[in-house]
C-alpha atoms as a PDB file:
ATOM      1  CA  UNK A   1     103.641 110.174 105.751  1.00  0.00           C
ATOM      2  CA  UNK A   2     101.700 107.345 105.381  1.00  0.00           C
ATOM      3  CA  UNK A   3     102.078 106.028 102.660  1.00  0.00           C
ATOM      4  CA  UNK A   4      99.190 106.255  99.837  1.00  0.00           C
ATOM      5  CA  UNK A   5      97.717 103.218  98.302  1.00  0.00           C
ATOM      6  CA  UNK A   6      94.979 102.680  95.525  1.00  0.00           C
ATOM      7  CA  UNK A   7      91.714 100.469  96.569  1.00  0.00           C
ATOM      8  CA  UNK A   8      89.259  99.650  94.165  1.00  0.00           C
ATOM      9  CA  UNK A   9      85.930 101.888  95.352  1.00  0.00           C
ATOM     10  CA  UNK A  10      84.001 101.462  92.815  1.00  0.00           C
ATOM     11  CA  UNK A  11      84.038  97.370  92.767  1.00  0.00           C
ATOM     12  CA  UNK A  12      83.661  97.865  97.096  1.00  0.00           C
ATOM     13  CA  UNK A  13      80.444 100.198  96.208  1.00  0.00           C
ATOM     14  CA  UNK A  14      78.491  97.316  93.446  1.00  0.00           C
ATOM     15  CA  UNK A  15      79.503  94.402  95.941  1.00  0.00           C
ATOM     16  CA  UNK A  16      77.084  95.947  97.816  1.00  0.00           C
ATOM     17  CA  UNK A  17      75.044  98.034  95.845  1.00  0.00           C
ATOM     18  CA  UNK A  18      74.406  94.011  94.527  1.00  0.00           C
ATOM     19  CA  UNK A  19      74.217  92.188  98.025  1.00  0.00           C
ATOM     20  CA  UNK A  20      77.061  90.344  97.505  1.00  0.00           C
ATOM     21  CA  UNK A  21      79.408  89.752 100.345  1.00  0.00           C
ATOM     22  CA  UNK A  22      82.878  89.253  99.321  1.00  0.00           C
ATOM     23  CA  UNK A  23      83.850  86.396 101.089  1.00  0.00           C
ATOM     24  CA  UNK A  24      81.184  85.075  97.715  1.00  0.00           C
ATOM     25  CA  UNK A  25      83.408  87.008  95.756  1.00  0.00           C
ATOM     26  CA  UNK A  26      86.415  85.055  97.035  1.00  0.00           C
ATOM     27  CA  UNK A  27      85.284  81.748  96.087  1.00  0.00           C
ATOM     28  CA  UNK A  28      84.420  82.189  92.394  1.00  0.00           C
ATOM     29  CA  UNK A  29      87.762  83.588  92.066  1.00  0.00           C
ATOM     30  CA  UNK A  30      89.834  81.435  94.315  1.00  0.00           C
ATOM     31  CA  UNK A  31      90.938  82.496  96.637  1.00  0.00           C
ATOM     32  CA  UNK A  32      91.126  82.869 100.666  1.00  0.00           C
ATOM     33  CA  UNK A  33      87.972  85.724 101.429  1.00  0.00           C
ATOM     34  CA  UNK A  34      91.252  88.117 103.362  1.00  0.00           C
ATOM     35  CA  UNK A  35      93.587  88.050 100.294  1.00  0.00           C
ATOM     36  CA  UNK A  36      90.506  89.441  98.024  1.00  0.00           C
ATOM     37  CA  UNK A  37      89.878  92.101 101.071  1.00  0.00           C
ATOM     38  CA  UNK A  38      93.692  92.838 100.361  1.00  0.00           C
ATOM     39  CA  UNK A  39      92.911  92.950  97.230  1.00  0.00           C
ATOM     40  CA  UNK A  40      90.205  94.991  97.086  1.00  0.00           C
ATOM     41  CA  UNK A  41      92.479  97.621  99.288  1.00  0.00           C
ATOM     42  CA  UNK A  42      95.812  97.207  97.418  1.00  0.00           C
ATOM     43  CA  UNK A  43      97.980  95.695 100.562  1.00  0.00           C
ATOM     44  CA  UNK A  44      97.864  93.167 102.828  1.00  0.00           C
ATOM     45  CA  UNK A  45      98.562  93.994 106.652  1.00  0.00           C
ATOM     46  CA  UNK A  46     102.628  93.662 105.980  1.00  0.00           C
ATOM     47  CA  UNK A  47     102.437  97.051 104.273  1.00  0.00           C
ATOM     48  CA  UNK A  48     102.970  94.582 100.997  1.00  0.00           C
ATOM     49  CA  UNK A  49     101.235  95.985  97.887  1.00  0.00           C
ATOM     50  CA  UNK A  50      98.770  93.554  95.316  1.00  0.00           C
ATOM     51  CA  UNK A  51      96.058  93.909  92.925  1.00  0.00           C
ATOM     52  CA  UNK A  52      93.947  91.808  91.586  1.00  0.00           C
ATOM     53  CA  UNK A  53      94.994  90.249  88.159  1.00  0.00           C
ATOM     54  CA  UNK A  54      93.976  91.288  84.843  1.00  0.00           C
ATOM     55  CA  UNK A  55      92.181  88.163  84.042  1.00  0.00           C
ATOM     56  CA  UNK A  56      90.167  88.053  87.977  1.00  0.00           C
ATOM     57  CA  UNK A  57      89.068  91.206  87.434  1.00  0.00           C
ATOM     58  CA  UNK A  58      87.648  90.095  83.589  1.00  0.00           C
ATOM     59  CA  UNK A  59      85.603  86.550  85.714  1.00  0.00           C
ATOM     60  CA  UNK A  60      84.266  89.214  88.055  1.00  0.00           C
ATOM     61  CA  UNK A  61      83.650  91.978  85.954  1.00  0.00           C
ATOM     62  CA  UNK A  62      81.697  89.340  83.932  1.00  0.00           C
ATOM     63  CA  UNK A  63      80.412  87.140  86.442  1.00  0.00           C
ATOM     64  CA  UNK A  64      78.629  89.676  88.453  1.00  0.00           C
ATOM     65  CA  UNK A  65      78.883  93.208  86.763  1.00  0.00           C
ATOM     66  CA  UNK A  66      78.630  93.356  84.034  1.00  0.00           C
ATOM     67  CA  UNK A  67      76.892  95.745  83.019  1.00  0.00           C
ATOM     68  CA  UNK A  68      80.212  98.182  84.945  1.00  0.00           C
ATOM     69  CA  UNK A  69      83.183  98.116  82.380  1.00  0.00           C
ATOM     70  CA  UNK A  70      86.463  96.341  83.864  1.00  0.00           C
ATOM     71  CA  UNK A  71      88.355 100.000  83.266  1.00  0.00           C
ATOM     72  CA  UNK A  72      85.779 101.263  85.617  1.00  0.00           C
ATOM     73  CA  UNK A  73      84.820  98.936  87.476  1.00  0.00           C
ATOM     74  CA  UNK A  74      88.799  98.702  88.479  1.00  0.00           C
ATOM     75  CA  UNK A  75      88.439 102.264  89.142  1.00  0.00           C
ATOM     76  CA  UNK A  76      90.952 103.687  92.010  1.00  0.00           C
ATOM     77  CA  UNK A  77      90.557 105.730  94.134  1.00  0.00           C
ATOM     78  CA  UNK A  78      93.988 106.936  96.354  1.00  0.00           C
ATOM     79  CA  UNK A  79      94.523 106.484 100.193  1.00  0.00           C
ATOM     80  CA  UNK A  80      97.196 107.488 102.517  1.00  0.00           C
ATOM     81  CA  UNK A  81      97.335 104.696 105.946  1.00  0.00           C
END
């Protein structure tokens, strides 16, 4: 059996729909692109869990997706690794 993790699926969809890159958003919040990917998928390569802080979530929403609420943008989808 695998572990259950949560990812920000709506955020990924909105990034793609807006023609943005994860690298661009990572630079805006001051993290490495690989760390931002870990935040989106909720897990590091070593299996440790991680998430986007509330402050960073609000900053992303306000700058890039003002038409989508923070709650909706950062809804999570569960998946198993």
